[in-house]
PDB file of N, CA and C in Angstrom:
ATOM      1  N   MET A   1     -39.417  27.844  -1.441  1.00  0.00           N
ATOM      2  CA  MET A   1     -40.082  27.396  -2.668  1.00  0.00           C
ATOM      3  C   MET A   1     -40.708  28.616  -3.340  1.00  0.00           C
ATOM      4  N   TYR A   2     -40.512  28.687  -4.634  1.00  0.00           N
ATOM      5  CA  TYR A   2     -41.021  29.831  -5.391  1.00  0.00           C
ATOM      6  C   TYR A   2     -42.346  29.484  -6.054  1.00  0.00           C
ATOM      7  N   LEU A   3     -43.041  30.531  -6.499  1.00  0.00           N
ATOM      8  CA  LEU A   3     -44.321  30.340  -7.197  1.00  0.00           C
ATOM      9  C   LEU A   3     -44.128  29.527  -8.478  1.00  0.00           C
ATOM     10  N   SER A   4     -43.004  29.731  -9.175  1.00  0.00           N
ATOM     11  CA  SER A   4     -42.722  28.984 -10.411  1.00  0.00           C
ATOM     12  C   SER A   4     -42.556  27.490 -10.106  1.00  0.00           C
ATOM     13  N   ASP A   5     -42.026  27.183  -8.933  1.00  0.00           N
ATOM     14  CA  ASP A   5     -41.888  25.777  -8.532  1.00  0.00           C
ATOM     15  C   ASP A   5     -43.258  25.127  -8.350  1.00  0.00           C
ATOM     16  N   LEU A   6     -44.166  25.867  -7.742  1.00  0.00           N
ATOM     17  CA  LEU A   6     -45.524  25.358  -7.536  1.00  0.00           C
ATOM     18  C   LEU A   6     -46.231  25.135  -8.871  1.00  0.00           C
ATOM     19  N   ALA A   7     -46.043  26.068  -9.793  1.00  0.00           N
ATOM     20  CA  ALA A   7     -46.656  25.929 -11.122  1.00  0.00           C
ATOM     21  C   ALA A   7     -46.127  24.680 -11.819  1.00  0.00           C
ATOM     22  N   TYR A   8     -44.818  24.441 -11.670  1.00  0.00           N
ATOM     23  CA  TYR A   8     -44.220  23.259 -12.286  1.00  0.00           C
ATOM     24  C   TYR A   8     -44.786  21.977 -11.668  1.00  0.00           C
ATOM     25  N   ILE A   9     -44.926  21.974 -10.370  1.00  0.00           N
ATOM     26  CA  ILE A   9     -45.473  20.806  -9.667  1.00  0.00           C
ATOM     27  C   ILE A   9     -46.916  20.561 -10.105  1.00  0.00           C
ATOM     28  N   ASP A  10     -47.704  21.637 -10.202  1.00  0.00           N
ATOM     29  CA  ASP A  10     -49.100  21.510 -10.662  1.00  0.00           C
ATOM     30  C   ASP A  10     -49.165  20.927 -12.056  1.00  0.00           C
ATOM     31  N   ALA A  11     -48.314  21.421 -12.948  1.00  0.00           N
ATOM     32  CA  ALA A  11     -48.313  20.952 -14.338  1.00  0.00           C
ATOM     33  C   ALA A  11     -47.948  19.470 -14.399  1.00  0.00           C
ATOM     34  N   ALA A  12     -46.940  19.090 -13.630  1.00  0.00           N
ATOM     35  CA  ALA A  12     -46.519  17.685 -13.600  1.00  0.00           C
ATOM     36  C   ALA A  12     -47.639  16.801 -13.043  1.00  0.00           C
ATOM     37  N   TYR A  13     -48.323  17.289 -12.019  1.00  0.00           N
ATOM     38  CA  TYR A  13     -49.429  16.533 -11.427  1.00  0.00           C
ATOM     39  C   TYR A  13     -50.553  16.351 -12.443  1.00  0.00           C
ATOM     40  N   ASP A  14     -50.903  17.439 -13.176  1.00  0.00           N
ATOM     41  CA  ASP A  14     -51.960  17.370 -14.190  1.00  0.00           C
ATOM     42  C   ASP A  14     -51.620  16.353 -15.267  1.00  0.00           C
ATOM     43  N   ASP A  15     -50.357  16.352 -15.710  1.00  0.00           N
ATOM     44  CA  ASP A  15     -49.926  15.391 -16.727  1.00  0.00           C
ATOM     45  C   ASP A  15     -50.063  13.965 -16.218  1.00  0.00           C
ATOM     46  N   THR A  16     -49.686  13.748 -14.967  1.00  0.00           N
ATOM     47  CA  THR A  16     -49.781  12.410 -14.375  1.00  0.00           C
ATOM     48  C   THR A  16     -51.233  11.963 -14.279  1.00  0.00           C
ATOM     49  N   VAL A  17     -52.100  12.865 -13.820  1.00  0.00           N
ATOM     50  CA  VAL A  17     -53.526  12.533 -13.701  1.00  0.00           C
ATOM     51  C   VAL A  17     -54.114  12.208 -15.065  1.00  0.00           C
ATOM     52  N   GLU A  18     -53.758  13.038 -16.065  1.00  0.00           N
ATOM     53  CA  GLU A  18     -54.289  12.814 -17.421  1.00  0.00           C
ATOM     54  C   GLU A  18     -53.796  11.481 -17.971  1.00  0.00           C
ATOM     55  N   THR A  19     -52.510  11.210 -17.801  1.00  0.00           N
ATOM     56  CA  THR A  19     -51.935   9.943 -18.273  1.00  0.00           C
ATOM     57  C   THR A  19     -52.618   8.753 -17.595  1.00  0.00           C
ATOM     58  N   ASN A  20     -52.785   8.854 -16.278  1.00  0.00           N
ATOM     59  CA  ASN A  20     -53.451   7.776 -15.538  1.00  0.00           C
ATOM     60  C   ASN A  20     -54.882   7.581 -16.000  1.00  0.00           C
ATOM     61  N   ALA A  21     -55.576   8.699 -16.287  1.00  0.00           N
ATOM     62  CA  ALA A  21     -56.966   8.611 -16.738  1.00  0.00           C
ATOM     63  C   ALA A  21     -57.047   7.904 -18.088  1.00  0.00           C
ATOM     64  N   VAL A  22     -56.126   8.250 -18.996  1.00  0.00           N
ATOM     65  CA  VAL A  22     -56.112   7.614 -20.323  1.00  0.00           C
ATOM     66  C   VAL A  22     -55.804   6.126 -20.192  1.00  0.00           C
ATOM     67  N   GLU A  23     -54.802   5.810 -19.367  1.00  0.00           N
ATOM     68  CA  GLU A  23     -54.444   4.402 -19.158  1.00  0.00           C
ATOM     69  C   GLU A  23     -55.594   3.628 -18.517  1.00  0.00           C
ATOM     70  N   SER A  24     -56.255   4.256 -17.552  1.00  0.00           N
ATOM     71  CA  SER A  24     -57.392   3.609 -16.893  1.00  0.00           C
ATOM     72  C   SER A  24     -58.518   3.356 -17.884  1.00  0.00           C
ATOM     73  N   ALA A  25     -58.791   4.355 -18.732  1.00  0.00           N
ATOM     74  CA  ALA A  25     -59.853   4.203 -19.734  1.00  0.00           C
ATOM     75  C   ALA A  25     -59.517   3.066 -20.686  1.00  0.00           C
ATOM     76  N   GLY A  26     -58.237   2.973 -21.083  1.00  0.00           N
ATOM     77  CA  GLY A  26     -57.819   1.876 -21.959  1.00  0.00           C
ATOM     78  C   GLY A  26     -57.988   0.529 -21.297  1.00  0.00           C
ATOM     79  N   THR A  27     -57.629   0.460 -20.019  1.00  0.00           N
ATOM     80  CA  THR A  27     -57.769  -0.784 -19.257  1.00  0.00           C
ATOM     81  C   THR A  27     -59.235  -1.181 -19.126  1.00  0.00           C
ATOM     82  N   ILE A  28     -60.058  -0.186 -18.804  1.00  0.00           N
ATOM     83  CA  ILE A  28     -61.495  -0.459 -18.670  1.00  0.00           C
ATOM     84  C   ILE A  28     -62.061  -0.966 -19.988  1.00  0.00           C
ATOM     85  N   LYS A  29     -61.641  -0.335 -21.096  1.00  0.00           N
ATOM     86  CA  LYS A  29     -62.133  -0.759 -22.415  1.00  0.00           C
ATOM     87  C   LYS A  29     -61.708  -2.198 -22.696  1.00  0.00           C
ATOM     88  N   GLU A  30     -60.443  -2.507 -22.408  1.00  0.00           N
ATOM     89  CA  GLU A  30     -59.944  -3.870 -22.633  1.00  0.00           C
ATOM     90  C   GLU A  30     -60.691  -4.875 -21.761  1.00  0.00           C
ATOM     91  N   GLU A  31     -60.901  -4.509 -20.501  1.00  0.00           N
ATOM     92  CA  GLU A  31     -61.614  -5.407 -19.590  1.00  0.00           C
ATOM     93  C   GLU A  31     -63.038  -5.631 -20.060  1.00  0.00           C
ATOM     94  N   ARG A  32     -63.678  -4.553 -20.540  1.00  0.00           N
ATOM     95  CA  ARG A  32     -65.064  -4.667 -21.013  1.00  0.00           C
ATOM     96  C   ARG A  32     -65.125  -5.554 -22.256  1.00  0.00           C
ATOM     97  N   GLN A  33     -64.148  -5.376 -23.162  1.00  0.00           N
ATOM     98  CA  GLN A  33     -64.122  -6.207 -24.372  1.00  0.00           C
ATOM     99  C   GLN A  33     -63.936  -7.675 -24.015  1.00  0.00           C
ATOM    100  N   SER A  34     -63.032  -7.949 -23.067  1.00  0.00           N
ATOM    101  CA  SER A  34     -62.816  -9.339 -22.681  1.00  0.00           C
ATOM    102  C   SER A  34     -64.047  -9.892 -21.971  1.00  0.00           C
ATOM    103  N   LEU A  35     -64.721  -9.027 -21.205  1.00  0.00           N
ATOM    104  CA  LEU A  35     -65.938  -9.453 -20.517  1.00  0.00           C
ATOM    105  C   LEU A  35     -67.029  -9.782 -21.528  1.00  0.00           C
ATOM    106  N   VAL A  36     -67.176  -8.930 -22.542  1.00  0.00           N
ATOM    107  CA  VAL A  36     -68.157  -9.189 -23.598  1.00  0.00           C
ATOM    108  C   VAL A  36     -67.827 -10.500 -24.297  1.00  0.00           C
ATOM    109  N   HIS A  37     -66.530 -10.719 -24.555  1.00  0.00           N
ATOM    110  CA  HIS A  37     -66.111 -11.955 -25.215  1.00  0.00           C
ATOM    111  C   HIS A  37     -66.441 -13.172 -24.351  1.00  0.00           C
ATOM    112  N   ILE A  38     -66.172 -13.060 -23.047  1.00  0.00           N
ATOM    113  CA  ILE A  38     -66.479 -14.162 -22.126  1.00  0.00           C
ATOM    114  C   ILE A  38     -67.988 -14.420 -22.106  1.00  0.00           C
ATOM    115  N   ASN A  39     -68.764 -13.328 -22.024  1.00  0.00           N
ATOM    116  CA  ASN A  39     -70.221 -13.474 -22.031  1.00  0.00           C
ATOM    117  C   ASN A  39     -70.691 -14.115 -23.329  1.00  0.00           C
ATOM    118  N   TRP A  40     -70.082 -13.715 -24.443  1.00  0.00           N
ATOM    119  CA  TRP A  40     -70.448 -14.279 -25.743  1.00  0.00           C
ATOM    120  C   TRP A  40     -70.174 -15.781 -25.758  1.00  0.00           C
ATOM    121  N   GLU A  41     -68.996 -16.160 -25.278  1.00  0.00           N
ATOM    122  CA  GLU A  41     -68.651 -17.578 -25.243  1.00  0.00           C
ATOM    123  C   GLU A  41     -69.621 -18.342 -24.338  1.00  0.00           C
ATOM    124  N   LYS A  42     -69.951 -17.760 -23.197  1.00  0.00           N
ATOM    125  CA  LYS A  42     -70.871 -18.405 -22.257  1.00  0.00           C
ATOM    126  C   LYS A  42     -72.242 -18.573 -22.901  1.00  0.00           C
ATOM    127  N   LYS A  43     -72.738 -17.501 -23.528  1.00  0.00           N
ATOM    128  CA  LYS A  43     -74.050 -17.561 -24.171  1.00  0.00           C
ATOM    129  C   LYS A  43     -74.023 -18.536 -25.341  1.00  0.00           C
ATOM    130  N   ARG A  44     -72.907 -18.530 -26.069  1.00  0.00           N
ATOM    131  CA  ARG A  44     -72.811 -19.425 -27.222  1.00  0.00           C
ATOM    132  C   ARG A  44     -72.913 -20.886 -26.765  1.00  0.00           C
ATOM    133  N   LYS A  45     -72.334 -21.183 -25.618  1.00  0.00           N
ATOM    134  CA  LYS A  45     -72.405 -22.538 -25.100  1.00  0.00           C
ATOM    135  C   LYS A  45     -73.792 -22.840 -24.530  1.00  0.00           C
ATOM    136  N   GLU A  46     -74.416 -21.799 -23.937  1.00  0.00           N
ATOM    137  CA  GLU A  46     -75.733 -21.998 -23.339  1.00  0.00           C
ATOM    138  C   GLU A  46     -76.806 -22.236 -24.393  1.00  0.00           C
ATOM    139  N   TYR A  47     -76.717 -21.510 -25.494  1.00  0.00           N
ATOM    140  CA  TYR A  47     -77.757 -21.589 -26.521  1.00  0.00           C
ATOM    141  C   TYR A  47     -77.204 -22.241 -27.775  1.00  0.00           C
ATOM    142  N   CYS A  48     -77.647 -23.423 -28.042  1.00  0.00           N
ATOM    143  CA  CYS A  48     -77.176 -24.162 -29.209  1.00  0.00           C
ATOM    144  C   CYS A  48     -77.549 -23.438 -30.513  1.00  0.00           C
ATOM    145  N   ALA A  49     -78.656 -22.706 -30.477  1.00  0.00           N
ATOM    146  CA  ALA A  49     -79.112 -22.036 -31.696  1.00  0.00           C
ATOM    147  C   ALA A  49     -78.310 -20.783 -32.022  1.00  0.00           C
ATOM    148  N   LEU A  50     -77.450 -20.373 -31.120  1.00  0.00           N
ATOM    149  CA  LEU A  50     -76.672 -19.150 -31.332  1.00  0.00           C
ATOM    150  C   LEU A  50     -75.389 -19.497 -32.058  1.00  0.00           C
ATOM    151  N   LYS A  51     -75.391 -19.394 -33.381  1.00  0.00           N
ATOM    152  CA  LYS A  51     -74.189 -19.735 -34.120  1.00  0.00           C
ATOM    153  C   LYS A  51     -74.018 -18.867 -35.359  1.00  0.00           C
ATOM    154  N   PRO A  52     -72.834 -18.293 -35.513  1.00  0.00           N
ATOM    155  CA  PRO A  52     -72.585 -17.513 -36.715  1.00  0.00           C
ATOM    156  C   PRO A  52     -72.367 -18.439 -37.912  1.00  0.00           C
ATOM    157  N   ILE A  53     -72.988 -18.126 -39.008  1.00  0.00           N
ATOM    158  CA  ILE A  53     -72.877 -18.949 -40.204  1.00  0.00           C
ATOM    159  C   ILE A  53     -72.481 -18.039 -41.360  1.00  0.00           C
ATOM    160  N   VAL A  54     -71.478 -18.421 -42.102  1.00  0.00           N
ATOM    161  CA  VAL A  54     -71.050 -17.604 -43.226  1.00  0.00           C
ATOM    162  C   VAL A  54     -71.491 -18.280 -44.515  1.00  0.00           C
ATOM    163  N   ASP A  55     -72.246 -17.536 -45.353  1.00  0.00           N
ATOM    164  CA  ASP A  55     -72.719 -18.113 -46.609  1.00  0.00           C
ATOM    165  C   ASP A  55     -71.762 -17.733 -47.741  1.00  0.00           C
ATOM    166  N   SER A  56     -72.123 -18.054 -48.959  1.00  0.00           N
ATOM    167  CA  SER A  56     -71.242 -17.839 -50.100  1.00  0.00           C
ATOM    168  C   SER A  56     -70.980 -16.357 -50.368  1.00  0.00           C
ATOM    169  N   GLN A  57     -71.858 -15.483 -49.888  1.00  0.00           N
ATOM    170  CA  GLN A  57     -71.678 -14.042 -50.085  1.00  0.00           C
ATOM    171  C   GLN A  57     -70.972 -13.398 -48.896  1.00  0.00           C
ATOM    172  N   GLN A  58     -70.414 -14.209 -48.016  1.00  0.00           N
ATOM    173  CA  GLN A  58     -69.686 -13.723 -46.847  1.00  0.00           C
ATOM    174  C   GLN A  58     -70.560 -12.899 -45.906  1.00  0.00           C
ATOM    175  N   HIS A  59     -71.803 -13.263 -45.793  1.00  0.00           N
ATOM    176  CA  HIS A  59     -72.686 -12.626 -44.822  1.00  0.00           C
ATOM    177  C   HIS A  59     -72.747 -13.529 -43.595  1.00  0.00           C
ATOM    178  N   ALA A  60     -72.490 -12.961 -42.447  1.00  0.00           N
ATOM    179  CA  ALA A  60     -72.556 -13.750 -41.222  1.00  0.00           C
ATOM    180  C   ALA A  60     -73.985 -13.713 -40.706  1.00  0.00           C
ATOM    181  N   LEU A  61     -74.607 -14.853 -40.630  1.00  0.00           N
ATOM    182  CA  LEU A  61     -75.963 -14.952 -40.107  1.00  0.00           C
ATOM    183  C   LEU A  61     -75.879 -15.480 -38.685  1.00  0.00           C
ATOM    184  N   VAL A  62     -76.420 -14.740 -37.783  1.00  0.00           N
ATOM    185  CA  VAL A  62     -76.350 -15.138 -36.387  1.00  0.00           C
ATOM    186  C   VAL A  62     -77.750 -15.376 -35.862  1.00  0.00           C
ATOM    187  N   LEU A  63     -77.971 -16.539 -35.335  1.00  0.00           N
ATOM    188  CA  LEU A  63     -79.266 -16.894 -34.794  1.00  0.00           C
ATOM    189  C   LEU A  63     -79.254 -16.596 -33.315  1.00  0.00           C
ATOM    190  N   ALA A  64     -80.162 -15.756 -32.884  1.00  0.00           N
ATOM    191  CA  ALA A  64     -80.139 -15.307 -31.499  1.00  0.00           C
ATOM    192  C   ALA A  64     -81.345 -15.808 -30.736  1.00  0.00           C
ATOM    193  N   THR A  65     -81.113 -16.195 -29.513  1.00  0.00           N
ATOM    194  CA  THR A  65     -82.220 -16.632 -28.670  1.00  0.00           C
ATOM    195  C   THR A  65     -82.414 -15.723 -27.463  1.00  0.00           C
ATOM    196  N   ASN A  66     -81.510 -14.775 -27.294  1.00  0.00           N
ATOM    197  CA  ASN A  66     -81.600 -13.874 -26.145  1.00  0.00           C
ATOM    198  C   ASN A  66     -81.545 -12.436 -26.646  1.00  0.00           C
ATOM    199  N   VAL A  67     -82.671 -11.747 -26.626  1.00  0.00           N
ATOM    200  CA  VAL A  67     -82.795 -10.427 -27.248  1.00  0.00           C
ATOM    201  C   VAL A  67     -81.891  -9.399 -26.581  1.00  0.00           C
ATOM    202  N   ASN A  68     -81.978  -9.274 -25.272  1.00  0.00           N
ATOM    203  CA  ASN A  68     -81.219  -8.238 -24.567  1.00  0.00           C
ATOM    204  C   ASN A  68     -79.712  -8.404 -24.747  1.00  0.00           C
ATOM    205  N   PHE A  69     -79.248  -9.620 -24.569  1.00  0.00           N
ATOM    206  CA  PHE A  69     -77.809  -9.854 -24.678  1.00  0.00           C
ATOM    207  C   PHE A  69     -77.317  -9.552 -26.088  1.00  0.00           C
ATOM    208  N   ASP A  70     -78.034 -10.023 -27.080  1.00  0.00           N
ATOM    209  CA  ASP A  70     -77.576  -9.866 -28.449  1.00  0.00           C
ATOM    210  C   ASP A  70     -77.589  -8.410 -28.900  1.00  0.00           C
ATOM    211  N   CYS A  71     -78.605  -7.654 -28.482  1.00  0.00           N
ATOM    212  CA  CYS A  71     -78.653  -6.236 -28.825  1.00  0.00           C
ATOM    213  C   CYS A  71     -77.449  -5.523 -28.232  1.00  0.00           C
ATOM    214  N   GLU A  72     -77.098  -5.896 -27.015  1.00  0.00           N
ATOM    215  CA  GLU A  72     -75.943  -5.284 -26.351  1.00  0.00           C
ATOM    216  C   GLU A  72     -74.648  -5.685 -27.054  1.00  0.00           C
ATOM    217  N   PHE A  73     -74.532  -6.956 -27.394  1.00  0.00           N
ATOM    218  CA  PHE A  73     -73.306  -7.447 -28.017  1.00  0.00           C
ATOM    219  C   PHE A  73     -73.114  -6.874 -29.412  1.00  0.00           C
ATOM    220  N   TYR A  74     -74.190  -6.836 -30.182  1.00  0.00           N
ATOM    221  CA  TYR A  74     -74.086  -6.397 -31.571  1.00  0.00           C
ATOM    222  C   TYR A  74     -74.193  -4.890 -31.755  1.00  0.00           C
ATOM    223  N   ALA A  75     -74.359  -4.142 -30.656  1.00  0.00           N
ATOM    224  CA  ALA A  75     -74.435  -2.687 -30.763  1.00  0.00           C
ATOM    225  C   ALA A  75     -73.137  -2.115 -31.340  1.00  0.00           C
ATOM    226  N   GLN A  76     -72.039  -2.850 -31.165  1.00  0.00           N
ATOM    227  CA  GLN A  76     -70.761  -2.349 -31.667  1.00  0.00           C
ATOM    228  C   GLN A  76     -70.652  -2.463 -33.193  1.00  0.00           C
ATOM    229  N   PHE A  77     -71.506  -3.242 -33.819  1.00  0.00           N
ATOM    230  CA  PHE A  77     -71.479  -3.358 -35.270  1.00  0.00           C
ATOM    231  C   PHE A  77     -72.520  -2.431 -35.884  1.00  0.00           C
ATOM    232  N   GLU A  78     -72.094  -1.510 -36.739  1.00  0.00           N
ATOM    233  CA  GLU A  78     -73.028  -0.567 -37.346  1.00  0.00           C
ATOM    234  C   GLU A  78     -73.847  -1.220 -38.461  1.00  0.00           C
ATOM    235  N   SER A  79     -73.317  -2.293 -39.032  1.00  0.00           N
ATOM    236  CA  SER A  79     -73.971  -2.860 -40.209  1.00  0.00           C
ATOM    237  C   SER A  79     -74.927  -4.009 -39.892  1.00  0.00           C
ATOM    238  N   ILE A  80     -75.303  -4.135 -38.623  1.00  0.00           N
ATOM    239  CA  ILE A  80     -76.254  -5.184 -38.254  1.00  0.00           C
ATOM    240  C   ILE A  80     -77.648  -4.784 -38.718  1.00  0.00           C
ATOM    241  N   LYS A  81     -78.310  -5.683 -39.380  1.00  0.00           N
ATOM    242  CA  LYS A  81     -79.696  -5.451 -39.779  1.00  0.00           C
ATOM    243  C   LYS A  81     -80.565  -6.539 -39.166  1.00  0.00           C
ATOM    244  N   LEU A  82     -81.697  -6.121 -38.659  1.00  0.00           N
ATOM    245  CA  LEU A  82     -82.601  -7.064 -38.013  1.00  0.00           C
ATOM    246  C   LEU A  82     -83.610  -7.564 -39.029  1.00  0.00           C
ATOM    247  N   LEU A  83     -83.725  -8.873 -39.155  1.00  0.00           N
ATOM    248  CA  LEU A  83     -84.685  -9.473 -40.076  1.00  0.00           C
ATOM    249  C   LEU A  83     -85.842 -10.039 -39.274  1.00  0.00           C
ATOM    250  N   ASN A  84     -87.046  -9.658 -39.623  1.00  0.00           N
ATOM    251  CA  ASN A  84     -88.236 -10.119 -38.910  1.00  0.00           C
ATOM    252  C   ASN A  84     -88.662 -11.486 -39.436  1.00  0.00           C
ATOM    253  N   ILE A  85     -88.660 -12.471 -38.548  1.00  0.00           N
ATOM    254  CA  ILE A  85     -89.071 -13.818 -38.968  1.00  0.00           C
ATOM    255  C   ILE A  85     -90.267 -14.295 -38.159  1.00  0.00           C
ATOM    256  N   ASP A  86     -90.948 -13.365 -37.492  1.00  0.00           N
ATOM    257  CA  ASP A  86     -92.079 -13.740 -36.656  1.00  0.00           C
ATOM    258  C   ASP A  86     -93.195 -14.424 -37.444  1.00  0.00           C
ATOM    259  N   GLU A  87     -93.394 -13.994 -38.692  1.00  0.00           N
ATOM    260  CA  GLU A  87     -94.505 -14.520 -39.477  1.00  0.00           C
ATOM    261  C   GLU A  87     -94.176 -15.856 -40.144  1.00  0.00           C
ATOM    262  N   CYS A  88     -92.910 -16.240 -40.070  1.00  0.00           N
ATOM    263  CA  CYS A  88     -92.522 -17.506 -40.702  1.00  0.00           C
ATOM    264  C   CYS A  88     -92.555 -18.649 -39.696  1.00  0.00           C
ATOM    265  N   TYR A  89     -93.035 -19.784 -40.112  1.00  0.00           N
ATOM    266  CA  TYR A  89     -92.997 -20.950 -39.216  1.00  0.00           C
ATOM    267  C   TYR A  89     -91.598 -21.539 -39.206  1.00  0.00           C
ATOM    268  N   ALA A  90     -91.004 -21.638 -40.374  1.00  0.00           N
ATOM    269  CA  ALA A  90     -89.635 -22.142 -40.475  1.00  0.00           C
ATOM    270  C   ALA A  90     -88.894 -21.338 -41.518  1.00  0.00           C
ATOM    271  N   LEU A  91     -87.633 -21.065 -41.255  1.00  0.00           N
ATOM    272  CA  LEU A  91     -86.811 -20.293 -42.177  1.00  0.00           C
ATOM    273  C   LEU A  91     -85.744 -21.222 -42.745  1.00  0.00           C
ATOM    274  N   SER A  92     -85.649 -21.232 -44.054  1.00  0.00           N
ATOM    275  CA  SER A  92     -84.639 -22.081 -44.688  1.00  0.00           C
ATOM    276  C   SER A  92     -83.533 -21.207 -45.264  1.00  0.00           C
ATOM    277  N   LEU A  93     -82.314 -21.556 -44.961  1.00  0.00           N
ATOM    278  CA  LEU A  93     -81.168 -20.801 -45.447  1.00  0.00           C
ATOM    279  C   LEU A  93     -80.247 -21.748 -46.219  1.00  0.00           C
ATOM    280  N   LYS A  94     -79.817 -21.299 -47.373  1.00  0.00           N
ATOM    281  CA  LYS A  94     -78.862 -22.105 -48.123  1.00  0.00           C
ATOM    282  C   LYS A  94     -77.461 -21.650 -47.735  1.00  0.00           C
ATOM    283  N   VAL A  95     -76.735 -22.511 -47.050  1.00  0.00           N
ATOM    284  CA  VAL A  95     -75.417 -22.168 -46.552  1.00  0.00           C
ATOM    285  C   VAL A  95     -74.394 -23.155 -47.096  1.00  0.00           C
ATOM    286  N   ARG A  96     -73.509 -22.663 -47.934  1.00  0.00           N
ATOM    287  CA  ARG A  96     -72.467 -23.489 -48.546  1.00  0.00           C
ATOM    288  C   ARG A  96     -73.026 -24.770 -49.129  1.00  0.00           C
ATOM    289  N   GLY A  97     -74.119 -24.641 -49.859  1.00  0.00           N
ATOM    290  CA  GLY A  97     -74.693 -25.787 -50.538  1.00  0.00           C
ATOM    291  C   GLY A  97     -75.573 -26.664 -49.682  1.00  0.00           C
ATOM    292  N   THR A  98     -75.687 -26.370 -48.392  1.00  0.00           N
ATOM    293  CA  THR A  98     -76.551 -27.176 -47.528  1.00  0.00           C
ATOM    294  C   THR A  98     -77.762 -26.359 -47.109  1.00  0.00           C
ATOM    295  N   LEU A  99     -78.851 -27.032 -46.853  1.00  0.00           N
ATOM    296  CA  LEU A  99     -80.080 -26.360 -46.456  1.00  0.00           C
ATOM    297  C   LEU A  99     -80.245 -26.457 -44.954  1.00  0.00           C
ATOM    298  N   LEU A 100     -80.375 -25.303 -44.320  1.00  0.00           N
ATOM    299  CA  LEU A 100     -80.532 -25.263 -42.874  1.00  0.00           C
ATOM    300  C   LEU A 100     -81.928 -24.779 -42.552  1.00  0.00           C
ATOM    301  N   SER A 101     -82.709 -25.602 -41.878  1.00  0.00           N
ATOM    302  CA  SER A 101     -84.072 -25.241 -41.518  1.00  0.00           C
ATOM    303  C   SER A 101     -84.127 -24.856 -40.052  1.00  0.00           C
ATOM    304  N   ILE A 102     -84.703 -23.707 -39.771  1.00  0.00           N
ATOM    305  CA  ILE A 102     -84.761 -23.212 -38.400  1.00  0.00           C
ATOM    306  C   ILE A 102     -86.213 -22.999 -37.998  1.00  0.00           C
ATOM    307  N   GLN A 103     -86.619 -23.624 -36.929  1.00  0.00           N
ATOM    308  CA  GLN A 103     -87.969 -23.437 -36.426  1.00  0.00           C
ATOM    309  C   GLN A 103     -88.035 -22.135 -35.640  1.00  0.00           C
ATOM    310  N   THR A 104     -89.103 -21.363 -35.826  1.00  0.00           N
ATOM    311  CA  THR A 104     -89.180 -20.056 -35.166  1.00  0.00           C
ATOM    312  C   THR A 104     -89.317 -20.156 -33.654  1.00  0.00           C
ATOM    313  N   HIS A 105     -89.841 -21.256 -33.138  1.00  0.00           N
ATOM    314  CA  HIS A 105     -89.968 -21.358 -31.683  1.00  0.00           C
ATOM    315  C   HIS A 105     -88.611 -21.545 -31.016  1.00  0.00           C
ATOM    316  N   GLN A 106     -87.586 -21.891 -31.790  1.00  0.00           N
ATOM    317  CA  GLN A 106     -86.245 -22.030 -31.236  1.00  0.00           C
ATOM    318  C   GLN A 106     -85.429 -20.749 -31.391  1.00  0.00           C
ATOM    319  N   VAL A 107     -85.901 -19.850 -32.247  1.00  0.00           N
ATOM    320  CA  VAL A 107     -85.120 -18.670 -32.588  1.00  0.00           C
ATOM    321  C   VAL A 107     -85.950 -17.416 -32.363  1.00  0.00           C
ATOM    322  N   THR A 108     -85.401 -16.479 -31.634  1.00  0.00           N
ATOM    323  CA  THR A 108     -86.106 -15.223 -31.388  1.00  0.00           C
ATOM    324  C   THR A 108     -85.836 -14.228 -32.500  1.00  0.00           C
ATOM    325  N   LEU A 109     -84.572 -14.057 -32.851  1.00  0.00           N
ATOM    326  CA  LEU A 109     -84.191 -13.062 -33.846  1.00  0.00           C
ATOM    327  C   LEU A 109     -83.153 -13.632 -34.795  1.00  0.00           C
ATOM    328  N   LEU A 110     -83.112 -13.081 -35.969  1.00  0.00           N
ATOM    329  CA  LEU A 110     -82.072 -13.442 -36.926  1.00  0.00           C
ATOM    330  C   LEU A 110     -81.337 -12.167 -37.296  1.00  0.00           C
ATOM    331  N   TYR A 111     -80.040 -12.134 -37.052  1.00  0.00           N
ATOM    332  CA  TYR A 111     -79.240 -10.964 -37.383  1.00  0.00           C
ATOM    333  C   TYR A 111     -78.436 -11.254 -38.641  1.00  0.00           C
ATOM    334  N   ARG A 112     -78.254 -10.227 -39.435  1.00  0.00           N
ATOM    335  CA  ARG A 112     -77.375 -10.369 -40.580  1.00  0.00           C
ATOM    336  C   ARG A 112     -76.293  -9.305 -40.469  1.00  0.00           C
ATOM    337  N   HIS A 113     -75.072  -9.729 -40.434  1.00  0.00           N
ATOM    338  CA  HIS A 113     -73.944  -8.806 -40.355  1.00  0.00           C
ATOM    339  C   HIS A 113     -73.371  -8.697 -41.757  1.00  0.00           C
ATOM    340  N   ILE A 114     -73.603  -7.577 -42.400  1.00  0.00           N
ATOM    341  CA  ILE A 114     -73.142  -7.375 -43.777  1.00  0.00           C
ATOM    342  C   ILE A 114     -71.772  -6.720 -43.745  1.00  0.00           C
ATOM    343  N   LYS A 115     -70.796  -7.410 -44.279  1.00  0.00           N
ATOM    344  CA  LYS A 115     -69.419  -6.879 -44.252  1.00  0.00           C
ATOM    345  C   LYS A 115     -69.192  -5.945 -45.429  1.00  0.00           C
TER     346      LYS A 115
END
């Protein structure tokens, strides 16, 4: 076996390791996304107040009852803005012509996702 053969084997090994690392990272990302989706579905079922609502201006309003989970879930959206509703007893939103009243003791945070 010559030195050039060893160099070729090393290069092939490096390519394989790099390819495997990229594929693994892609798999991990996909698994994490599906896990987040599963967690979202689970939380959505657990908390009745957690529901995305689209108004006439196409703003998705999400009512959150779990601070830690929602911050983690919505971290992927850059356009999330946090609206402080602590001082309000009830928040009324006009959604597609209907009035939705939300009591603050049922809702911890209100997120607005501006598209």
